[in-house]
Amino acid sequence: MNTSSLRATRALTLTALAVTCSASAFAQAAGAGQICDASRVASTYIGTTTGAMPTLALASPLKLTPCASYTGFGTGEISTIVNRAGTIFMGPIYNDDGLYVARSKDNGASWDQVQPLRADGTSHVRIQPYMQIDPTTDRIFFSTGRSSIAKLELKTGFDLSYTDNGGDSWSNASIEVNAIDWGKLLPGAPVTGTRTSGYPNNLYFSTPTPISTPAIIVNPKSQAVMKSTDGGASWAQVGSFSIVAKDYGCPASEYVLWGDGVVAPDGTIYIGGRRCNQFALSVSKDEGKTWTVTPVPGAQLIDYKFVTNVPFNPNYIMPTPVTIDSAGNLYVVYPDVKDLLRLTVSRDKGKTWTKPVVISDPKVTAVIYPAITVKKPGTIAIAYYGSSDRKKFSGYMAESVNALSGLPVFKSQTINDPAEPLHPAYFDVGYLWMFLGGDLNEIVQVRYAPNGDLLTAFTQDMCPLSNCRADWDFTAHAKSKWQAVLGRLVHN
C-alpha cells in the first residue's frame, strides 16, 4: 500500500464564462463559455428491431434544451462526474505542469481546476486517465497508468487519487497489477454477509493484462480484477478470467476487450464488452473471485482482423456499455454491425434479454463510443458521438422514460450546433498522436445531475487533419489537440 495524508490541492480559479443563448461560429470557439439553444427542436423517435423511427403519435412528453460549455481546456480520454451537491467534474485537463480536473458549481457556466497528485507529490501522467464516483458516499476517484508510449516506457500498475470533499483535497494510493492501460473502477455493495473495512462499499478495479490491444510482440492474456475493502487505500487481486479469443472458440485473430461495469444491489458484478464479434457480460457472484462469461443473444458486433483495423473504426471499444437500476434490471448498449446503437434489457439478472432495438437518432448513420446510465427503472440516458455522413461527428444525448417497454421512445438532441460538428473531418481516436506524445480519445460517460439534467463530457477536435484552428494554440494548451466540452440537456 502506498498512501499519503490528505493534501491541499492547488486551484486555478477562472473568471466566470459568459452564458449565451444562440449558437454561432464565434460562440463555439475555444473558451467561448456556455451556449444554450432552445430554438433547436429535439428529435422524438421510437426504437425498433429494424431501425429507429421518427414518431409524433407516441411523442415523449420530455422537452430538452441542449447546452454546451466550451471550456478552452486541453483534454483527452475525458470523464464526467457529478456529485450530490450538483458540482460537475471533468478530467483530465492538461496544463504544462501536469493533469488537473475541471470543476463547476454553476452547471458549467464557470470552471476552476483542482489537481490530484500521486503519492510522491508529482502529477499523474498522461496515460489512460479515468474518473469514477461512488454515488452512495460521494467519493471521487481519479486513476492513471504509468507508461509513456512516446518514450517507449512501459510501466505496470496504476496511480489512484480520491477525494471526499469535492476536490479540495485528495488522498492517493497505488494499484499494483501487471497491466498498463484500460483500467476501470467499479464501486458497489458487498455480497450479503461479507464485511468491508472502514468504508461501506467494495471497490473493484478491472484491467486487461498485460495490455489491452493485440500487438505484434505482446497480446492480451487475462482480465485482472482487484478489490479494495477500505475505500481505495489498499488493493489486492481477487480473481481473473481469460481474454484470449481462442479460449472462447473464436479465431485467434479475434479480439476480447471489456469496458466498464456495474455492481448490483446484491453485490453481483457485471462487466460488459466484446467477446470476439458478440457482446457479452462477465459476471461474478463472489466479489470477483470467479467469473462466468455469457454472450448476449443477438448482440452481434463488427468483426476484428488485426490491430490496424482499430484506427479506422473505434467501435471495437465500448467504454460504458452497461448499467443497472434499483430493481436489478440490466441495460446494455452497443454499436451493431452497421455502427448503429442498439439497446437490450434483462429483467432476470442476465438470464434472458429483450430483442436488441436500434436507439440511435434516425438521422445518424454511425455512432462511436455509446454510453448509458439510469435514473430509475425504465428511465435511462444515452450519449455518443454520432454522424449522418460518417465523416463529421457531433455529441448526441438522449433520454427515454419507457426503456423497459421493448419499444422505447427517445428524445434526442446534439449538444453542439450540427453545422459546427465537434469532429469536423473524421473521428480521431488518437493512436498516431499517442506515438508522438499525444493523447487517446476513447471515453464517453453520461450522468444524471441531482436536478435531472443529463451531463456528458465530449472532446472537440481543434486540430483536424493536423491543422490547428486559429483560435487554438497547440503549445499553449499543453500540446493537446482536443478542447473539453461539457454537454448538458436541460428539462424544460
Protein backbone atom coordinates (compact mmCIF):
# COMPACT_ATOMS: atom_id res chain seq x y z
CA MET A 1 0.00 0.00 0.00
CA ASN A 2 1.29 3.44 -0.89
CA THR A 3 -0.88 6.21 0.54
CA SER A 4 -0.39 9.74 1.80
CA SER A 5 -2.27 12.03 4.09
CA LEU A 6 -4.83 14.40 2.67
CA ARG A 7 -3.10 17.24 0.92
CA ALA A 8 -4.43 20.59 -0.17
CA THR A 9 -4.62 20.97 -3.90
CA ARG A 10 -3.83 23.96 -5.92
CA ALA A 11 -6.82 25.73 -7.50
CA LEU A 12 -6.72 27.88 -10.61
CA THR A 13 -9.85 29.99 -10.47
CA LEU A 14 -11.12 31.33 -13.76
CA THR A 15 -13.34 34.29 -14.41
CA ALA A 16 -16.92 33.16 -14.98
CA LEU A 17 -17.56 32.36 -18.61
CA ALA A 18 -20.44 34.18 -20.24
CA VAL A 19 -23.65 32.27 -20.96
CA THR A 20 -25.14 32.95 -24.37
CA CYS A 21 -28.38 31.73 -25.90
CA SER A 22 -27.53 31.49 -29.57
CA ALA A 23 -25.07 29.33 -31.46
CA SER A 24 -22.58 30.85 -33.86
CA ALA A 25 -19.14 30.17 -35.22
CA PHE A 26 -17.68 32.69 -32.79
CA ALA A 27 -19.60 31.32 -29.83
CA GLN A 28 -18.31 27.81 -30.40
CA ALA A 29 -14.69 28.92 -30.45
CA ALA A 30 -12.18 27.84 -27.82
CA GLY A 31 -13.16 29.01 -24.36
CA ALA A 32 -16.40 30.61 -25.57
CA GLY A 33 -18.33 29.55 -22.49
CA GLN A 34 -21.76 28.01 -22.19
CA ILE A 35 -24.21 28.06 -25.09
CA CYS A 36 -27.86 27.07 -24.58
CA ASP A 37 -30.06 26.91 -27.66
CA ALA A 38 -33.76 26.26 -27.00
CA SER A 39 -34.58 27.03 -30.65
CA ARG A 40 -33.26 23.69 -31.87
CA VAL A 41 -36.08 21.14 -31.82
CA ALA A 42 -35.22 17.76 -30.38
CA SER A 43 -35.87 14.53 -32.28
CA THR A 44 -38.53 12.14 -30.99
CA TYR A 45 -38.25 8.56 -32.20
CA ILE A 46 -39.07 5.01 -31.27
CA GLY A 47 -36.56 2.17 -31.21
CA THR A 48 -37.42 -0.98 -33.15
CA THR A 49 -35.53 -4.11 -34.13
CA THR A 50 -35.16 -2.87 -37.73
CA GLY A 51 -34.25 0.74 -37.00
CA ALA A 52 -35.17 3.89 -35.13
CA MET A 53 -38.32 5.56 -36.50
CA PRO A 54 -39.36 9.21 -36.09
CA THR A 55 -42.68 9.42 -34.30
CA LEU A 56 -45.29 12.02 -33.45
CA ALA A 57 -48.20 9.89 -32.29
CA LEU A 58 -46.17 8.48 -29.44
CA ALA A 59 -44.18 11.64 -28.83
CA SER A 60 -42.39 11.73 -25.50
CA PRO A 61 -43.52 14.39 -23.03
CA LEU A 62 -39.88 15.33 -22.49
CA LYS A 63 -38.73 18.76 -23.70
CA LEU A 64 -34.99 19.26 -23.69
CA THR A 65 -32.75 22.28 -24.24
CA PRO A 66 -29.18 21.46 -25.31
CA CYS A 67 -26.29 23.34 -23.71
CA ALA A 68 -22.58 23.13 -24.42
CA SER A 69 -19.79 24.59 -22.29
CA TYR A 70 -16.74 25.30 -24.46
CA THR A 71 -14.09 25.44 -21.74
CA GLY A 72 -10.89 26.31 -23.56
CA PHE A 73 -9.15 23.47 -21.68
CA GLY A 74 -6.99 20.87 -23.38
CA THR A 75 -8.01 17.29 -22.67
CA GLY A 76 -8.10 13.66 -23.78
CA GLU A 77 -9.83 10.47 -22.51
CA ILE A 78 -12.27 12.76 -20.69
CA SER A 79 -14.58 11.52 -17.92
CA THR A 80 -17.72 13.13 -16.45
CA ILE A 81 -18.63 13.18 -12.75
CA VAL A 82 -21.39 14.93 -10.78
CA ASN A 83 -21.83 14.68 -7.02
CA ARG A 84 -24.88 15.01 -4.78
CA ALA A 85 -24.31 18.77 -4.43
CA GLY A 86 -24.56 19.15 -8.21
CA THR A 87 -20.87 20.01 -8.67
CA ILE A 88 -19.65 18.86 -12.07
CA PHE A 89 -16.16 17.49 -12.65
CA MET A 90 -14.43 16.79 -15.97
CA GLY A 91 -10.98 15.31 -16.24
CA PRO A 92 -8.28 15.19 -17.17
CA ILE A 93 -7.41 18.80 -18.03
CA TYR A 94 -3.88 19.26 -19.35
CA ASN A 95 -1.60 22.07 -18.24
CA ASP A 96 2.16 22.47 -18.61
CA ASP A 97 2.71 21.32 -15.02
CA GLY A 98 0.51 18.26 -15.21
CA LEU A 99 -3.00 16.84 -15.03
CA TYR A 100 -5.90 18.67 -13.40
CA VAL A 101 -9.64 18.19 -13.01
CA ALA A 102 -12.07 20.93 -14.07
CA ARG A 103 -14.81 21.73 -11.57
CA SER A 104 -18.03 23.72 -11.96
CA LYS A 105 -20.51 24.65 -9.24
CA ASP A 106 -22.88 26.54 -11.58
CA ASN A 107 -23.88 23.91 -14.19
CA GLY A 108 -20.93 24.59 -16.46
CA ALA A 109 -21.14 28.39 -16.65
CA SER A 110 -17.72 28.79 -14.99
CA TRP A 111 -14.89 26.49 -14.01
CA ASP A 112 -11.91 26.21 -11.73
CA GLN A 113 -9.28 23.48 -11.65
CA VAL A 114 -8.05 21.16 -8.90
CA GLN A 115 -5.04 18.88 -9.09
CA PRO A 116 -4.97 15.32 -7.76
CA LEU A 117 -1.38 14.28 -7.08
CA ARG A 118 0.37 10.94 -6.85
CA ALA A 119 1.84 9.53 -3.65
CA ASP A 120 5.23 11.13 -4.34
CA GLY A 121 3.68 14.58 -4.76
CA THR A 122 4.04 14.67 -8.53
CA SER A 123 1.37 14.97 -11.20
CA HIS A 124 -0.36 11.99 -12.71
CA VAL A 125 0.96 11.14 -16.18
CA ARG A 126 -1.00 11.36 -19.42
CA ILE A 127 -1.78 7.69 -19.95
CA GLN A 128 -5.27 6.17 -19.61
CA PRO A 129 -6.81 8.66 -17.15
CA TYR A 130 -10.19 7.64 -15.77
CA MET A 131 -12.66 9.07 -13.23
CA GLN A 132 -15.40 7.38 -11.25
CA ILE A 133 -17.68 8.25 -8.33
CA ASP A 134 -19.24 6.14 -5.62
CA PRO A 135 -22.78 7.61 -5.57
CA THR A 136 -23.52 6.32 -2.07
CA THR A 137 -20.56 8.13 -0.46
CA ASP A 138 -19.74 10.88 -2.99
CA ARG A 139 -16.09 9.78 -3.02
CA ILE A 140 -14.50 10.63 -6.40
CA PHE A 141 -11.66 8.56 -7.87
CA PHE A 142 -9.06 9.58 -10.47
CA SER A 143 -6.65 6.98 -11.85
CA THR A 144 -3.94 6.87 -14.50
CA GLY A 145 -1.42 4.41 -15.83
CA ARG A 146 2.32 4.96 -15.57
CA SER A 147 3.65 4.37 -19.07
CA SER A 148 4.81 6.67 -21.85
CA ILE A 149 4.28 5.25 -25.32
CA ALA A 150 6.22 8.10 -26.92
CA LYS A 151 9.24 7.37 -24.69
CA LEU A 152 8.75 3.60 -25.04
CA GLU A 153 8.45 3.35 -21.24
CA LEU A 154 6.04 0.55 -20.29
CA LYS A 155 5.48 0.63 -16.53
CA THR A 156 2.87 -1.59 -14.94
CA GLY A 157 0.34 -0.54 -12.33
CA PHE A 158 -1.87 2.48 -11.77
CA ASP A 159 -1.80 5.60 -9.60
CA LEU A 160 -5.04 6.45 -7.80
CA SER A 161 -6.22 9.67 -6.15
CA TYR A 162 -9.54 10.12 -4.36
CA THR A 163 -11.41 12.93 -2.64
CA ASP A 164 -14.28 13.18 -0.16
CA ASN A 165 -14.67 16.97 -0.25
CA GLY A 166 -15.34 17.78 -3.87
CA GLY A 167 -11.71 18.01 -4.92
CA ASP A 168 -10.45 20.44 -2.27
CA SER A 169 -8.02 17.78 -1.01
CA TRP A 170 -7.02 14.31 -2.15
CA SER A 171 -5.64 11.05 -0.79
CA ASN A 172 -3.64 8.72 -3.01
CA ALA A 173 -2.77 5.06 -3.41
CA SER A 174 -1.14 2.60 -5.77
CA ILE A 175 -2.78 -0.27 -7.62
CA GLU A 176 -0.01 -2.80 -8.29
CA VAL A 177 -1.03 -5.09 -11.11
CA ASN A 178 0.69 -6.43 -14.22
CA ALA A 179 -1.20 -4.12 -16.58
CA ILE A 180 -0.60 -0.76 -18.22
CA ASP A 181 -3.93 0.50 -19.57
CA TRP A 182 -7.74 0.46 -19.78
CA GLY A 183 -8.31 0.15 -16.04
CA LYS A 184 -11.89 0.71 -14.84
CA LEU A 185 -13.02 1.26 -11.23
CA LEU A 186 -16.39 -0.11 -10.06
CA PRO A 187 -17.92 0.79 -6.67
CA GLY A 188 -20.72 -1.25 -5.17
CA ALA A 189 -22.26 -3.09 -2.27
CA PRO A 190 -20.52 -6.20 -0.94
CA VAL A 191 -22.20 -9.56 -1.23
CA THR A 192 -24.65 -10.08 1.62
CA GLY A 193 -22.86 -11.32 4.71
CA THR A 194 -19.37 -10.01 3.85
CA ARG A 195 -17.67 -7.07 5.52
CA THR A 196 -15.64 -4.05 4.47
CA SER A 197 -13.02 -2.14 6.48
CA GLY A 198 -13.94 1.42 7.36
CA TYR A 199 -15.79 2.04 4.11
CA PRO A 200 -19.35 0.90 3.33
CA ASN A 201 -18.74 -0.49 -0.17
CA ASN A 202 -16.32 -2.64 -2.07
CA LEU A 203 -14.28 -1.14 -4.88
CA TYR A 204 -13.22 -3.23 -7.86
CA PHE A 205 -10.58 -2.38 -10.46
CA SER A 206 -10.75 -4.33 -13.71
CA THR A 207 -7.91 -4.21 -16.24
CA PRO A 208 -6.55 -6.35 -19.11
CA THR A 209 -3.11 -7.88 -18.57
CA PRO A 210 -0.52 -7.19 -19.70
CA ILE A 211 -2.05 -4.85 -22.30
CA SER A 212 -5.48 -4.16 -23.79
CA THR A 213 -4.78 -4.21 -27.53
CA PRO A 214 -3.42 -7.14 -29.56
CA ALA A 215 0.06 -6.27 -30.81
CA ILE A 216 2.83 -7.99 -32.67
CA ILE A 217 5.07 -8.66 -29.65
CA VAL A 218 2.64 -8.87 -26.73
CA ASN A 219 -1.05 -9.74 -26.61
CA PRO A 220 -3.84 -9.59 -24.01
CA LYS A 221 -3.99 -12.65 -21.78
CA SER A 222 -6.33 -12.19 -18.84
CA GLN A 223 -8.61 -9.67 -17.17
CA ALA A 224 -7.28 -8.99 -13.69
CA VAL A 225 -9.79 -7.99 -11.01
CA MET A 226 -8.52 -6.10 -7.97
CA LYS A 227 -10.56 -5.37 -4.83
CA SER A 228 -10.37 -2.76 -2.10
CA THR A 229 -12.41 -3.03 1.09
CA ASP A 230 -11.08 0.19 2.64
CA GLY A 231 -12.25 2.79 0.14
CA GLY A 232 -9.27 2.59 -2.21
CA ALA A 233 -6.36 2.87 0.22
CA SER A 234 -5.16 -0.71 -0.42
CA TRP A 235 -5.75 -3.23 -3.18
CA ALA A 236 -5.28 -6.95 -3.79
CA GLN A 237 -6.05 -9.13 -6.79
CA VAL A 238 -9.00 -11.42 -6.13
CA GLY A 239 -9.58 -13.05 -9.50
CA SER A 240 -9.14 -13.05 -13.25
CA PHE A 241 -10.58 -14.53 -16.42
CA SER A 242 -9.29 -15.14 -19.94
CA ILE A 243 -9.31 -12.52 -22.67
CA VAL A 244 -7.72 -14.83 -25.26
CA ALA A 245 -10.04 -15.21 -28.26
CA LYS A 246 -9.35 -18.89 -28.91
CA ASP A 247 -10.39 -19.72 -25.33
CA TYR A 248 -13.94 -18.77 -26.39
CA GLY A 249 -13.88 -20.80 -29.60
CA CYS A 250 -13.11 -17.73 -31.74
CA PRO A 251 -10.44 -17.34 -34.43
CA ALA A 252 -7.07 -16.45 -32.92
CA SER A 253 -7.20 -13.16 -34.85
CA GLU A 254 -10.33 -12.00 -32.98
CA TYR A 255 -10.40 -9.59 -30.04
CA VAL A 256 -11.70 -9.72 -26.46
CA LEU A 257 -11.97 -6.39 -24.61
CA TRP A 258 -14.10 -5.47 -21.61
CA GLY A 259 -15.39 -2.00 -20.81
CA ASP A 260 -16.85 -0.55 -17.64
CA GLY A 261 -19.23 -2.43 -15.40
CA VAL A 262 -21.72 -2.18 -12.54
CA VAL A 263 -22.37 -3.80 -9.19
CA ALA A 264 -25.93 -4.96 -8.49
CA PRO A 265 -27.72 -4.27 -5.19
CA ASP A 266 -26.99 -7.89 -4.13
CA GLY A 267 -23.24 -7.49 -4.83
CA THR A 268 -23.14 -9.30 -8.20
CA ILE A 269 -20.58 -7.72 -10.57
CA TYR A 270 -21.38 -7.27 -14.26
CA ILE A 271 -18.68 -6.16 -16.73
CA GLY A 272 -19.75 -5.60 -20.33
CA GLY A 273 -17.76 -5.70 -23.53
CA ARG A 274 -16.52 -7.51 -26.57
CA ARG A 275 -16.19 -11.30 -26.60
CA CYS A 276 -14.99 -11.65 -30.18
CA ASN A 277 -17.76 -10.46 -32.51
CA GLN A 278 -20.55 -10.67 -29.92
CA PHE A 279 -21.39 -8.53 -26.92
CA ALA A 280 -21.11 -10.41 -23.64
CA LEU A 281 -21.25 -9.94 -19.89
CA SER A 282 -18.67 -11.20 -17.42
CA VAL A 283 -20.46 -11.98 -14.16
CA SER A 284 -19.14 -12.66 -10.67
CA LYS A 285 -21.31 -13.55 -7.68
CA ASP A 286 -18.44 -13.93 -5.20
CA GLU A 287 -16.82 -10.47 -5.22
CA GLY A 288 -14.56 -11.09 -8.20
CA LYS A 289 -13.08 -14.48 -7.32
CA THR A 290 -14.75 -16.50 -10.09
CA TRP A 291 -16.36 -15.38 -13.34
CA THR A 292 -18.84 -16.59 -15.94
CA VAL A 293 -18.73 -15.07 -19.42
CA THR A 294 -22.13 -15.10 -21.14
CA PRO A 295 -22.88 -13.73 -24.63
CA VAL A 296 -25.99 -11.57 -25.01
CA PRO A 297 -28.28 -13.18 -27.64
CA GLY A 298 -28.48 -11.33 -30.93
CA ALA A 299 -25.88 -8.73 -29.94
CA GLN A 300 -23.55 -9.07 -32.91
CA LEU A 301 -20.53 -6.78 -33.28
CA ILE A 302 -18.23 -5.90 -36.16
CA ASP A 303 -15.54 -8.45 -36.97
CA TYR A 304 -11.95 -7.87 -35.93
CA LYS A 305 -8.96 -8.91 -38.01
CA PHE A 306 -5.84 -7.03 -36.92
CA VAL A 307 -4.71 -4.10 -34.80
CA THR A 308 -4.64 -1.86 -37.89
CA ASN A 309 -8.46 -2.11 -38.01
CA VAL A 310 -8.90 -0.12 -34.81
CA PRO A 311 -7.99 3.41 -36.00
CA PHE A 312 -10.49 3.11 -38.86
CA ASN A 313 -13.44 2.02 -36.73
CA PRO A 314 -13.25 2.70 -32.98
CA ASN A 315 -16.32 0.51 -32.32
CA TYR A 316 -14.10 -2.35 -31.23
CA ILE A 317 -14.00 -0.37 -27.99
CA MET A 318 -17.05 0.10 -25.72
CA PRO A 319 -16.16 2.19 -22.68
CA THR A 320 -19.51 2.39 -20.80
CA PRO A 321 -21.91 -0.22 -22.21
CA VAL A 322 -23.90 -1.45 -19.21
CA THR A 323 -25.92 -0.07 -16.28
CA ILE A 324 -28.34 -1.41 -13.69
CA ASP A 325 -31.32 0.15 -11.92
CA SER A 326 -32.51 -0.10 -8.31
CA ALA A 327 -34.77 -3.04 -9.20
CA GLY A 328 -31.90 -5.04 -10.69
CA ASN A 329 -32.85 -4.54 -14.36
CA LEU A 330 -29.80 -4.60 -16.64
CA TYR A 331 -29.50 -2.28 -19.66
CA VAL A 332 -26.87 -2.81 -22.38
CA VAL A 333 -26.00 -0.58 -25.34
CA TYR A 334 -23.60 -1.48 -28.12
CA PRO A 335 -22.77 -0.48 -31.73
CA ASP A 336 -24.04 -3.14 -34.13
CA VAL A 337 -22.51 -4.37 -37.39
CA LYS A 338 -23.85 -1.26 -39.17
CA ASP A 339 -22.44 1.05 -36.46
CA LEU A 340 -25.94 1.87 -35.21
CA LEU A 341 -26.65 1.95 -31.48
CA ARG A 342 -28.77 -0.87 -30.04
CA LEU A 343 -30.35 -1.45 -26.63
CA THR A 344 -31.23 -4.73 -24.96
CA VAL A 345 -32.64 -5.23 -21.46
CA SER A 346 -32.69 -8.07 -18.95
CA ARG A 347 -35.17 -8.26 -16.05
CA ASP A 348 -33.81 -11.53 -14.65
CA LYS A 349 -30.13 -10.86 -13.91
CA GLY A 350 -28.95 -11.60 -17.43
CA LYS A 351 -30.69 -14.94 -17.98
CA THR A 352 -32.90 -13.63 -20.79
CA TRP A 353 -32.82 -10.47 -22.87
CA THR A 354 -35.19 -8.40 -24.99
CA LYS A 355 -34.60 -8.30 -28.73
CA PRO A 356 -32.00 -5.59 -29.42
CA VAL A 357 -33.58 -2.41 -30.83
CA VAL A 358 -31.88 0.48 -32.62
CA ILE A 359 -31.92 3.58 -30.40
CA SER A 360 -29.54 5.99 -32.15
CA ASP A 361 -31.15 9.06 -33.70
CA PRO A 362 -32.73 8.20 -37.09
CA LYS A 363 -30.52 10.83 -38.76
CA VAL A 364 -27.39 9.05 -37.53
CA THR A 365 -25.63 6.51 -39.75
CA ALA A 366 -22.69 5.82 -37.43
CA VAL A 367 -22.16 6.01 -33.67
CA ILE A 368 -18.90 5.92 -31.72
CA TYR A 369 -18.44 5.17 -28.01
CA PRO A 370 -22.03 4.86 -26.77
CA ALA A 371 -22.59 5.27 -23.03
CA ILE A 372 -25.62 4.63 -20.83
CA THR A 373 -26.86 5.48 -17.34
CA VAL A 374 -30.12 5.00 -15.45
CA LYS A 375 -32.18 7.32 -13.22
CA LYS A 376 -34.88 4.89 -12.10
CA PRO A 377 -36.44 1.73 -13.53
CA GLY A 378 -37.32 2.47 -17.15
CA THR A 379 -35.73 5.94 -17.30
CA ILE A 380 -32.33 5.92 -18.99
CA ALA A 381 -30.00 8.34 -20.74
CA ILE A 382 -27.53 7.65 -23.53
CA ALA A 383 -24.69 9.61 -25.11
CA TYR A 384 -22.42 9.03 -28.08
CA TYR A 385 -20.59 10.65 -30.95
CA GLY A 386 -22.88 10.46 -33.98
CA SER A 387 -22.59 11.22 -37.68
CA SER A 388 -25.02 11.42 -40.58
CA ASP A 389 -22.27 11.13 -43.21
CA ARG A 390 -19.63 9.03 -41.37
CA LYS A 391 -17.19 11.95 -41.55
CA LYS A 392 -18.41 14.76 -39.30
CA PHE A 393 -19.34 13.79 -35.72
CA SER A 394 -21.45 15.65 -33.16
CA GLY A 395 -22.15 14.97 -29.49
CA TYR A 396 -25.56 13.27 -29.12
CA MET A 397 -27.54 12.82 -25.91
CA ALA A 398 -30.97 11.28 -25.48
CA GLU A 399 -33.41 10.11 -22.82
CA SER A 400 -36.20 7.55 -22.59
CA VAL A 401 -38.77 7.15 -19.82
CA ASN A 402 -40.09 3.79 -21.09
CA ALA A 403 -36.89 1.85 -21.73
CA LEU A 404 -38.41 -1.33 -20.27
CA SER A 405 -41.22 -1.39 -22.82
CA GLY A 406 -39.40 -3.21 -25.62
CA LEU A 407 -40.21 -0.28 -27.96
CA PRO A 408 -38.58 2.66 -26.16
CA VAL A 409 -39.33 6.25 -27.15
CA PHE A 410 -36.38 8.64 -27.04
CA LYS A 411 -35.98 12.39 -27.06
CA SER A 412 -32.64 13.26 -28.68
CA GLN A 413 -30.52 16.32 -29.36
CA THR A 414 -26.97 17.27 -30.28
CA ILE A 415 -25.25 19.45 -27.70
CA ASN A 416 -23.38 21.32 -30.45
CA ASP A 417 -24.84 23.11 -33.45
CA PRO A 418 -24.87 20.38 -36.14
CA ALA A 419 -23.49 22.95 -38.57
CA GLU A 420 -20.35 23.02 -36.43
CA PRO A 421 -19.59 19.40 -35.51
CA LEU A 422 -17.23 18.58 -32.66
CA HIS A 423 -15.15 16.48 -35.04
CA PRO A 424 -15.43 18.21 -38.43
CA ALA A 425 -13.26 15.99 -40.64
CA TYR A 426 -13.22 12.50 -39.12
CA PHE A 427 -13.20 10.95 -35.67
CA ASP A 428 -9.62 10.76 -34.43
CA VAL A 429 -9.08 8.10 -31.77
CA GLY A 430 -5.59 9.47 -31.18
CA TYR A 431 -3.39 6.46 -31.90
CA LEU A 432 -0.96 8.40 -34.09
CA TRP A 433 -0.86 11.22 -31.55
CA MET A 434 -0.09 8.71 -28.80
CA PHE A 435 3.14 7.62 -30.50
CA LEU A 436 4.08 11.28 -30.93
CA GLY A 437 3.49 12.05 -27.27
CA GLY A 438 -0.20 12.94 -27.59
CA ASP A 439 -3.35 11.52 -26.08
CA LEU A 440 -6.09 9.00 -26.79
CA ASN A 441 -9.79 9.76 -27.14
CA GLU A 442 -11.70 6.64 -26.07
CA ILE A 443 -14.06 7.59 -23.23
CA VAL A 444 -17.70 8.72 -23.04
CA GLN A 445 -19.72 8.76 -19.82
CA VAL A 446 -23.24 10.08 -19.26
CA ARG A 447 -24.58 11.11 -15.84
CA TYR A 448 -27.77 12.39 -14.24
CA ALA A 449 -27.33 15.55 -12.18
CA PRO A 450 -29.40 15.86 -8.98
CA ASN A 451 -31.71 18.35 -10.76
CA GLY A 452 -32.38 15.83 -13.56
CA ASP A 453 -30.10 17.38 -16.18
CA LEU A 454 -28.14 15.00 -18.40
CA LEU A 455 -24.37 15.55 -18.47
CA THR A 456 -21.64 14.28 -20.78
CA ALA A 457 -18.08 15.47 -21.38
CA PHE A 458 -17.15 15.45 -25.06
CA THR A 459 -13.99 16.38 -26.93
CA GLN A 460 -13.84 18.93 -29.74
CA ASP A 461 -11.09 18.41 -32.31
CA MET A 462 -9.26 21.75 -32.56
CA CYS A 463 -6.60 20.41 -34.93
CA PRO A 464 -8.48 18.38 -37.57
CA LEU A 465 -6.23 16.81 -40.16
CA SER A 466 -3.28 18.12 -38.09
CA ASN A 467 -4.10 21.76 -38.89
CA CYS A 468 -4.94 23.62 -35.70
CA ARG A 469 -7.62 26.29 -35.78
CA ALA A 470 -6.60 29.94 -35.48
CA ASP A 471 -8.17 30.17 -32.01
CA TRP A 472 -6.28 27.13 -30.66
CA ASP A 473 -2.60 27.42 -29.73
CA PHE A 474 -1.42 23.81 -29.61
CA THR A 475 1.65 24.58 -27.49
CA ALA A 476 -0.24 26.85 -25.07
CA HIS A 477 -2.73 24.03 -24.46
CA ALA A 478 -0.03 21.63 -23.27
CA LYS A 479 0.20 20.09 -26.74
CA SER A 480 -3.38 18.85 -26.67
CA LYS A 481 -5.49 18.82 -29.83
CA TRP A 482 -8.86 18.45 -28.05
CA GLN A 483 -10.95 21.02 -26.22
CA ALA A 484 -13.03 19.82 -23.27
CA VAL A 485 -16.75 20.45 -23.87
CA LEU A 486 -19.48 19.75 -21.34
CA GLY A 487 -22.75 18.69 -22.92
CA ARG A 488 -25.95 19.23 -20.94
CA LEU A 489 -29.59 18.52 -21.72
CA VAL A 490 -31.93 20.63 -19.59
CA HIS A 491 -35.52 19.62 -18.92
CA ASN A 492 -37.97 22.42 -19.72
